[in-house]
């Protein structure tokens, strides 16, 4: 794996954070997605798991203190 990929991933993640205010889940997440760009089922599965996790956390935060004060 090329160090340039990690650098590109860091830049993409930082720009995404500046534009949307949302973290990409880590600095190497864009690199991970880029590595599997030719495997659309794996990318779809990754996005699906992320979406399910997001929905579960949104449901749980109504009843539990997950992030900061309530």
Protein backbone atom coordinates (compact mmCIF):
# COMPACT_ATOMS: atom_id res chain seq x y z
CA UNK A 1 0.00 0.00 0.00
CA UNK A 2 1.33 3.36 -1.00
CA UNK A 3 1.86 6.14 1.55
CA UNK A 4 0.34 8.46 -1.05
CA UNK A 5 -3.01 6.70 -0.57
CA UNK A 6 -2.98 7.53 3.13
CA UNK A 7 -2.12 11.14 2.36
CA UNK A 8 -4.96 11.37 -0.13
CA UNK A 9 -7.27 9.78 2.44
CA UNK A 10 -6.31 12.32 5.07
CA UNK A 11 -6.90 15.20 2.65
CA UNK A 12 -10.28 13.83 1.52
CA UNK A 13 -11.38 13.20 5.11
CA UNK A 14 -10.35 16.69 6.20
CA UNK A 15 -12.11 18.38 3.27
CA UNK A 16 -15.24 16.30 3.93
CA UNK A 17 -15.16 17.39 7.57
CA UNK A 18 -14.72 21.06 6.62
CA UNK A 19 -17.59 20.95 4.11
CA UNK A 20 -20.14 18.89 6.06
CA UNK A 21 -19.02 19.12 9.68
CA UNK A 22 -19.22 15.31 9.84
CA UNK A 23 -16.26 13.08 10.55
CA UNK A 24 -15.65 10.24 8.13
CA UNK A 25 -15.10 7.87 11.05
CA UNK A 26 -11.35 8.17 10.91
CA UNK A 27 -8.60 9.43 8.71
CA UNK A 28 -8.07 6.16 6.86
CA UNK A 29 -11.72 5.48 6.04
CA UNK A 30 -11.49 7.07 2.58
CA UNK A 31 -8.41 4.95 1.88
CA UNK A 32 -10.28 1.81 2.93
CA UNK A 33 -13.15 2.68 0.61
CA UNK A 34 -10.75 3.52 -2.21
CA UNK A 35 -8.97 0.16 -1.89
CA UNK A 36 -12.24 -1.67 -2.46
CA UNK A 37 -13.54 0.64 -5.20
CA UNK A 38 -13.54 -2.26 -7.65
CA UNK A 39 -15.66 -4.43 -5.34
CA UNK A 40 -19.07 -2.72 -5.32
CA UNK A 41 -20.74 -5.37 -3.13
CA UNK A 42 -18.15 -4.86 -0.41
CA UNK A 43 -18.63 -1.08 -0.61
CA UNK A 44 -22.41 -1.49 -0.48
CA UNK A 45 -22.10 -3.77 2.53
CA UNK A 46 -19.80 -1.26 4.28
CA UNK A 47 -22.22 1.63 3.65
CA UNK A 48 -25.16 -0.56 4.74
CA UNK A 49 -23.52 -1.51 8.03
CA UNK A 50 -22.69 2.15 8.63
CA UNK A 51 -26.30 3.17 7.97
CA UNK A 52 -27.71 0.48 10.27
CA UNK A 53 -25.27 1.52 13.01
CA UNK A 54 -26.28 5.16 12.55
CA UNK A 55 -29.98 4.29 12.84
CA UNK A 56 -29.47 2.11 15.93
CA UNK A 57 -27.47 4.86 17.66
CA UNK A 58 -30.15 7.44 16.84
CA UNK A 59 -32.75 5.16 18.39
CA UNK A 60 -30.66 4.43 21.48
CA UNK A 61 -29.76 8.06 22.16
CA UNK A 62 -33.40 8.74 23.01
CA UNK A 63 -33.12 6.42 26.00
CA UNK A 64 -29.40 6.40 26.89
CA UNK A 65 -26.73 9.03 27.35
CA UNK A 66 -24.39 8.17 24.51
CA UNK A 67 -22.67 11.44 23.64
CA UNK A 68 -22.13 14.17 26.18
CA UNK A 69 -24.86 15.55 28.44
CA UNK A 70 -28.55 14.95 28.04
